Amino acid sequence: YDFRTFDPKAREVTFVVANDIHDNA
């Protein structure tokens, strides 16, 4: 598998936030 370490010079970042799933896969 592959991954990429974070960039200390990054000008931007995108992420997802999810909450209150309550065991509902």
PDB file of all heavy atoms in Angstrom:
ATOM      1  N   TYR A   1       0.852  -1.183   0.000  1.00  0.00           N
ATOM      2  CA  TYR A   1       0.000   0.000   0.000  1.00  0.00           C
ATOM      3  C   TYR A   1       0.891   1.237   0.000  1.00  0.00           C
ATOM      4  O   TYR A   1       2.069   1.164   0.352  1.00  0.00           O
ATOM      5  CB  TYR A   1      -0.909   0.021   1.232  1.00  0.00           C
ATOM      6  CG  TYR A   1      -1.749  -1.223   1.410  1.00  0.00           C
ATOM      7  CD1 TYR A   1      -1.481  -2.127   2.432  1.00  0.00           C
ATOM      8  CD2 TYR A   1      -2.808  -1.490   0.553  1.00  0.00           C
ATOM      9  CE1 TYR A   1      -2.251  -3.275   2.600  1.00  0.00           C
ATOM     10  CE2 TYR A   1      -3.589  -2.627   0.715  1.00  0.00           C
ATOM     11  CZ  TYR A   1      -3.297  -3.518   1.742  1.00  0.00           C
ATOM     12  OH  TYR A   1      -4.064  -4.654   1.893  1.00  0.00           O
ATOM     13  N   ASP A   2       0.323   2.376  -0.354  1.00  0.00           N
ATOM     14  CA  ASP A   2       1.127   3.592  -0.384  1.00  0.00           C
ATOM     15  C   ASP A   2       0.494   4.696   0.464  1.00  0.00           C
ATOM     16  O   ASP A   2      -0.708   4.688   0.723  1.00  0.00           O
ATOM     17  CB  ASP A   2       1.321   4.075  -1.826  1.00  0.00           C
ATOM     18  CG  ASP A   2       0.010   4.414  -2.506  1.00  0.00           C
ATOM     19  OD1 ASP A   2      -0.501   5.533  -2.297  1.00  0.00           O
ATOM     20  OD2 ASP A   2      -0.511   3.562  -3.247  1.00  0.00           O
ATOM     21  N   PHE A   3       1.324   5.619   0.900  1.00  0.00           N
ATOM     22  CA  PHE A   3       0.874   6.824   1.598  1.00  0.00           C
ATOM     23  C   PHE A   3       1.916   7.913   1.371  1.00  0.00           C
ATOM     24  O   PHE A   3       3.018   7.650   0.907  1.00  0.00           O
ATOM     25  CB  PHE A   3       0.674   6.578   3.100  1.00  0.00           C
ATOM     26  CG  PHE A   3       1.958   6.332   3.867  1.00  0.00           C
ATOM     27  CD1 PHE A   3       2.641   7.387   4.456  1.00  0.00           C
ATOM     28  CD2 PHE A   3       2.469   5.047   4.008  1.00  0.00           C
ATOM     29  CE1 PHE A   3       3.824   7.171   5.163  1.00  0.00           C
ATOM     30  CE2 PHE A   3       3.648   4.815   4.707  1.00  0.00           C
ATOM     31  CZ  PHE A   3       4.330   5.878   5.295  1.00  0.00           C
ATOM     32  N   ARG A   4       1.552   9.134   1.723  1.00  0.00           N
ATOM     33  CA  ARG A   4       2.447  10.279   1.559  1.00  0.00           C
ATOM     34  C   ARG A   4       2.496  11.077   2.847  1.00  0.00           C
ATOM     35  O   ARG A   4       1.448  11.402   3.415  1.00  0.00           O
ATOM     36  CB  ARG A   4       1.972  11.170   0.411  1.00  0.00           C
ATOM     37  CG  ARG A   4       2.926  12.296   0.023  1.00  0.00           C
ATOM     38  CD  ARG A   4       2.363  13.051  -1.185  1.00  0.00           C
ATOM     39  NE  ARG A   4       3.305  14.022  -1.718  1.00  0.00           N
ATOM     40  CZ  ARG A   4       3.389  15.287  -1.318  1.00  0.00           C
ATOM     41  NH1 ARG A   4       2.564  15.738  -0.379  1.00  0.00           N
ATOM     42  NH2 ARG A   4       4.270  16.117  -1.869  1.00  0.00           N
ATOM     43  N   THR A   5       3.675  11.366   3.336  1.00  0.00           N
ATOM     44  CA  THR A   5       3.807  12.199   4.527  1.00  0.00           C
ATOM     45  C   THR A   5       3.358  13.628   4.216  1.00  0.00           C
ATOM     46  O   THR A   5       3.411  14.076   3.067  1.00  0.00           O
ATOM     47  CB  THR A   5       5.264  12.220   5.027  1.00  0.00           C
ATOM     48  OG1 THR A   5       6.141  12.498   3.924  1.00  0.00           O
ATOM     49  CG2 THR A   5       5.652  10.881   5.638  1.00  0.00           C
ATOM     50  N   PHE A   6       2.903  14.319   5.242  1.00  0.00           N
ATOM     51  CA  PHE A   6       2.424  15.682   5.053  1.00  0.00           C
ATOM     52  C   PHE A   6       3.580  16.618   4.688  1.00  0.00           C
ATOM     53  O   PHE A   6       4.744  16.362   5.016  1.00  0.00           O
ATOM     54  CB  PHE A   6       1.717  16.184   6.314  1.00  0.00           C
ATOM     55  CG  PHE A   6       0.441  15.453   6.618  1.00  0.00           C
ATOM     56  CD1 PHE A   6       0.106  15.121   7.929  1.00  0.00           C
ATOM     57  CD2 PHE A   6      -0.431  15.091   5.610  1.00  0.00           C
ATOM     58  CE1 PHE A   6      -1.075  14.461   8.224  1.00  0.00           C
ATOM     59  CE2 PHE A   6      -1.617  14.424   5.886  1.00  0.00           C
ATOM     60  CZ  PHE A   6      -1.936  14.106   7.200  1.00  0.00           C
ATOM     61  N   ASP A   7       3.212  17.713   4.039  1.00  0.00           N
ATOM     62  CA  ASP A   7       4.193  18.651   3.504  1.00  0.00           C
ATOM     63  C   ASP A   7       4.249  19.906   4.390  1.00  0.00           C
ATOM     64  O   ASP A   7       3.264  20.638   4.501  1.00  0.00           O
ATOM     65  CB  ASP A   7       3.796  19.045   2.077  1.00  0.00           C
ATOM     66  CG  ASP A   7       4.810  19.948   1.408  1.00  0.00           C
ATOM     67  OD1 ASP A   7       5.792  20.341   2.060  1.00  0.00           O
ATOM     68  OD2 ASP A   7       4.608  20.268   0.216  1.00  0.00           O
ATOM     69  N   PRO A   8       5.386  20.185   5.037  1.00  0.00           N
ATOM     70  CA  PRO A   8       5.471  21.378   5.892  1.00  0.00           C
ATOM     71  C   PRO A   8       5.407  22.681   5.110  1.00  0.00           C
ATOM     72  O   PRO A   8       5.215  23.751   5.695  1.00  0.00           O
ATOM     73  CB  PRO A   8       6.833  21.217   6.578  1.00  0.00           C
ATOM     74  CG  PRO A   8       7.618  20.316   5.687  1.00  0.00           C
ATOM     75  CD  PRO A   8       6.623  19.397   5.057  1.00  0.00           C
ATOM     76  N   LYS A   9       5.538  22.611   3.780  1.00  0.00           N
ATOM     77  CA  LYS A   9       5.457  23.809   2.938  1.00  0.00           C
ATOM     78  C   LYS A   9       4.110  23.910   2.206  1.00  0.00           C
ATOM     79  O   LYS A   9       3.948  24.766   1.328  1.00  0.00           O
ATOM     80  CB  LYS A   9       6.599  23.807   1.922  1.00  0.00           C
ATOM     81  CG  LYS A   9       7.986  23.840   2.555  1.00  0.00           C
ATOM     82  CD  LYS A   9       9.075  23.829   1.491  1.00  0.00           C
ATOM     83  CE  LYS A   9      10.461  23.842   2.134  1.00  0.00           C
ATOM     84  NZ  LYS A   9      11.533  23.812   1.100  1.00  0.00           N
ATOM     85  N   ALA A  10       3.171  23.066   2.577  1.00  0.00           N
ATOM     86  CA  ALA A  10       1.884  23.035   1.869  1.00  0.00           C
ATOM     87  C   ALA A  10       1.139  24.354   2.008  1.00  0.00           C
ATOM     88  O   ALA A  10       1.027  24.905   3.108  1.00  0.00           O
ATOM     89  CB  ALA A  10       1.024  21.897   2.404  1.00  0.00           C
ATOM     90  N   ARG A  11       0.637  24.856   0.899  1.00  0.00           N
ATOM     91  CA  ARG A  11      -0.151  26.086   0.897  1.00  0.00           C
ATOM     92  C   ARG A  11      -1.639  25.784   1.113  1.00  0.00           C
ATOM     93  O   ARG A  11      -2.419  26.687   1.418  1.00  0.00           O
ATOM     94  CB  ARG A  11       0.032  26.816  -0.432  1.00  0.00           C
ATOM     95  CG  ARG A  11       1.471  27.183  -0.759  1.00  0.00           C
ATOM     96  CD  ARG A  11       1.954  28.315   0.110  1.00  0.00           C
ATOM     97  NE  ARG A  11       1.194  29.525  -0.110  1.00  0.00           N
ATOM     98  CZ  ARG A  11       1.458  30.416  -1.082  1.00  0.00           C
ATOM     99  NH1 ARG A  11       2.449  30.196  -1.937  1.00  0.00           N
ATOM    100  NH2 ARG A  11       0.731  31.509  -1.196  1.00  0.00           N
ATOM    101  N   GLU A  12      -2.018  24.526   0.941  1.00  0.00           N
ATOM    102  CA  GLU A  12      -3.428  24.168   1.098  1.00  0.00           C
ATOM    103  C   GLU A  12      -3.560  22.737   1.597  1.00  0.00           C
ATOM    104  O   GLU A  12      -2.647  21.923   1.468  1.00  0.00           O
ATOM    105  CB  GLU A  12      -4.174  24.333  -0.220  1.00  0.00           C
ATOM    106  CG  GLU A  12      -3.673  23.448  -1.347  1.00  0.00           C
ATOM    107  CD  GLU A  12      -4.438  23.700  -2.640  1.00  0.00           C
ATOM    108  OE1 GLU A  12      -4.449  24.848  -3.114  1.00  0.00           O
ATOM    109  OE2 GLU A  12      -5.023  22.723  -3.156  1.00  0.00           O
ATOM    110  N   VAL A  13      -4.703  22.434   2.177  1.00  0.00           N
ATOM    111  CA  VAL A  13      -5.022  21.080   2.626  1.00  0.00           C
ATOM    112  C   VAL A  13      -6.528  20.882   2.502  1.00  0.00           C
ATOM    113  O   VAL A  13      -7.307  21.828   2.658  1.00  0.00           O
ATOM    114  CB  VAL A  13      -4.561  20.840   4.084  1.00  0.00           C
ATOM    115  CG1 VAL A  13      -5.310  21.735   5.059  1.00  0.00           C
ATOM    116  CG2 VAL A  13      -4.732  19.375   4.480  1.00  0.00           C
ATOM    117  N   THR A  14      -6.932  19.654   2.173  1.00  0.00           N
ATOM    118  CA  THR A  14      -8.341  19.287   2.074  1.00  0.00           C
ATOM    119  C   THR A  14      -8.611  18.096   2.978  1.00  0.00           C
ATOM    120  O   THR A  14      -7.850  17.125   2.972  1.00  0.00           O
ATOM    121  CB  THR A  14      -8.713  18.932   0.620  1.00  0.00           C
ATOM    122  OG1 THR A  14      -8.480  20.061  -0.214  1.00  0.00           O
ATOM    123  CG2 THR A  14     -10.181  18.533   0.515  1.00  0.00           C
ATOM    124  N   PHE A  15      -9.680  18.165   3.753  1.00  0.00           N
ATOM    125  CA  PHE A  15     -10.024  17.018   4.601  1.00  0.00           C
ATOM    126  C   PHE A  15     -11.533  16.916   4.762  1.00  0.00           C
ATOM    127  O   PHE A  15     -12.284  17.855   4.458  1.00  0.00           O
ATOM    128  CB  PHE A  15      -9.320  17.085   5.960  1.00  0.00           C
ATOM    129  CG  PHE A  15      -9.581  18.320   6.779  1.00  0.00           C
ATOM    130  CD1 PHE A  15     -10.715  18.418   7.588  1.00  0.00           C
ATOM    131  CD2 PHE A  15      -8.687  19.387   6.767  1.00  0.00           C
ATOM    132  CE1 PHE A  15     -10.952  19.534   8.362  1.00  0.00           C
ATOM    133  CE2 PHE A  15      -8.919  20.525   7.531  1.00  0.00           C
ATOM    134  CZ  PHE A  15     -10.047  20.594   8.335  1.00  0.00           C
ATOM    135  N   VAL A  16     -11.964  15.747   5.228  1.00  0.00           N
ATOM    136  CA  VAL A  16     -13.385  15.447   5.448  1.00  0.00           C
ATOM    137  C   VAL A  16     -13.643  15.342   6.943  1.00  0.00           C
ATOM    138  O   VAL A  16     -12.796  14.835   7.692  1.00  0.00           O
ATOM    139  CB  VAL A  16     -13.778  14.138   4.736  1.00  0.00           C
ATOM    140  CG1 VAL A  16     -15.174  13.677   5.147  1.00  0.00           C
ATOM    141  CG2 VAL A  16     -13.704  14.320   3.217  1.00  0.00           C
ATOM    142  N   VAL A  17     -14.793  15.822   7.378  1.00  0.00           N
ATOM    143  CA  VAL A  17     -15.210  15.709   8.778  1.00  0.00           C
ATOM    144  C   VAL A  17     -16.584  15.037   8.831  1.00  0.00           C
ATOM    145  O   VAL A  17     -17.510  15.441   8.115  1.00  0.00           O
ATOM    146  CB  VAL A  17     -15.292  17.092   9.462  1.00  0.00           C
ATOM    147  CG1 VAL A  17     -15.649  16.931  10.943  1.00  0.00           C
ATOM    148  CG2 VAL A  17     -13.988  17.860   9.310  1.00  0.00           C
ATOM    149  N   ALA A  18     -16.716  14.012   9.671  1.00  0.00           N
ATOM    150  CA  ALA A  18     -18.005  13.329   9.867  1.00  0.00           C
ATOM    151  C   ALA A  18     -18.232  13.145  11.361  1.00  0.00           C
ATOM    152  O   ALA A  18     -17.279  12.928  12.113  1.00  0.00           O
ATOM    153  CB  ALA A  18     -18.018  11.975   9.155  1.00  0.00           C
ATOM    154  N   ASN A  19     -19.461  13.234  11.785  1.00  0.00           N
ATOM    155  CA  ASN A  19     -19.761  13.151  13.222  1.00  0.00           C
ATOM    156  C   ASN A  19     -21.097  12.457  13.458  1.00  0.00           C
ATOM    157  O   ASN A  19     -21.915  12.308  12.552  1.00  0.00           O
ATOM    158  CB  ASN A  19     -19.802  14.547  13.840  1.00  0.00           C
ATOM    159  CG  ASN A  19     -20.766  15.486  13.144  1.00  0.00           C
ATOM    160  OD1 ASN A  19     -20.382  16.125  12.148  1.00  0.00           O
ATOM    161  ND2 ASN A  19     -22.008  15.570  13.624  1.00  0.00           N
ATOM    162  N   ASP A  20     -21.292  12.016  14.691  1.00  0.00           N
ATOM    163  CA  ASP A  20     -22.572  11.446  15.164  1.00  0.00           C
ATOM    164  C   ASP A  20     -23.075  10.314  14.275  1.00  0.00           C
ATOM    165  O   ASP A  20     -24.235  10.276  13.866  1.00  0.00           O
ATOM    166  CB  ASP A  20     -23.626  12.556  15.286  1.00  0.00           C
ATOM    167  CG  ASP A  20     -23.268  13.566  16.360  1.00  0.00           C
ATOM    168  OD1 ASP A  20     -23.449  13.247  17.550  1.00  0.00           O
ATOM    169  OD2 ASP A  20     -22.759  14.656  16.012  1.00  0.00           O
ATOM    170  N   ILE A  21     -22.199   9.358  14.014  1.00  0.00           N
ATOM    171  CA  ILE A  21     -22.553   8.196  13.194  1.00  0.00           C
ATOM    172  C   ILE A  21     -23.253   7.131  14.036  1.00  0.00           C
ATOM    173  O   ILE A  21     -24.091   6.375  13.541  1.00  0.00           O
ATOM    174  CB  ILE A  21     -21.298   7.631  12.503  1.00  0.00           C
ATOM    175  CG1 ILE A  21     -20.760   8.681  11.503  1.00  0.00           C
ATOM    176  CG2 ILE A  21     -21.587   6.321  11.799  1.00  0.00           C
ATOM    177  CD1 ILE A  21     -19.405   8.339  10.924  1.00  0.00           C
ATOM    178  N   HIS A  22     -22.914   7.036  15.316  1.00  0.00           N
ATOM    179  CA  HIS A  22     -23.594   6.173  16.289  1.00  0.00           C
ATOM    180  C   HIS A  22     -23.701   4.713  15.818  1.00  0.00           C
ATOM    181  O   HIS A  22     -24.806   4.154  15.716  1.00  0.00           O
ATOM    182  CB  HIS A  22     -24.977   6.734  16.627  1.00  0.00           C
ATOM    183  CG  HIS A  22     -24.910   7.962  17.500  1.00  0.00           C
ATOM    184  ND1 HIS A  22     -24.677   7.910  18.848  1.00  0.00           N
ATOM    185  CD2 HIS A  22     -25.018   9.283  17.188  1.00  0.00           C
ATOM    186  CE1 HIS A  22     -24.663   9.126  19.348  1.00  0.00           C
ATOM    187  NE2 HIS A  22     -24.867   9.998  18.355  1.00  0.00           N
ATOM    188  N   ASP A  23     -22.567   4.120  15.514  1.00  0.00           N
ATOM    189  CA  ASP A  23     -22.470   2.689  15.197  1.00  0.00           C
ATOM    190  C   ASP A  23     -23.118   2.300  13.876  1.00  0.00           C
ATOM    191  O   ASP A  23     -23.271   1.103  13.598  1.00  0.00           O
ATOM    192  CB  ASP A  23     -23.074   1.819  16.310  1.00  0.00           C
ATOM    193  CG  ASP A  23     -22.239   1.837  17.585  1.00  0.00           C
ATOM    194  OD1 ASP A  23     -21.058   1.486  17.509  1.00  0.00           O
ATOM    195  OD2 ASP A  23     -22.763   2.219  18.642  1.00  0.00           O
ATOM    196  N   ASN A  24     -23.479   3.242  13.062  1.00  0.00           N
ATOM    197  CA  ASN A  24     -24.148   2.945  11.792  1.00  0.00           C
ATOM    198  C   ASN A  24     -23.109   2.951  10.677  1.00  0.00           C
ATOM    199  O   ASN A  24     -22.828   3.989  10.066  1.00  0.00           O
ATOM    200  CB  ASN A  24     -25.240   3.975  11.520  1.00  0.00           C
ATOM    201  CG  ASN A  24     -26.113   3.613  10.337  1.00  0.00           C
ATOM    202  OD1 ASN A  24     -25.688   2.897   9.433  1.00  0.00           O
ATOM    203  ND2 ASN A  24     -27.339   4.108  10.330  1.00  0.00           N
ATOM    204  N   ALA A  25     -22.530   1.782  10.406  1.00  0.00           N
ATOM    205  CA  ALA A  25     -21.461   1.680   9.414  1.00  0.00           C
ATOM    206  C   ALA A  25     -21.937   2.072   8.019  1.00  0.00           C
ATOM    207  O   ALA A  25     -21.174   2.636   7.225  1.00  0.00           O
ATOM    208  CB  ALA A  25     -20.897   0.255   9.397  1.00  0.00           C
TER     209      ALA A  25
END
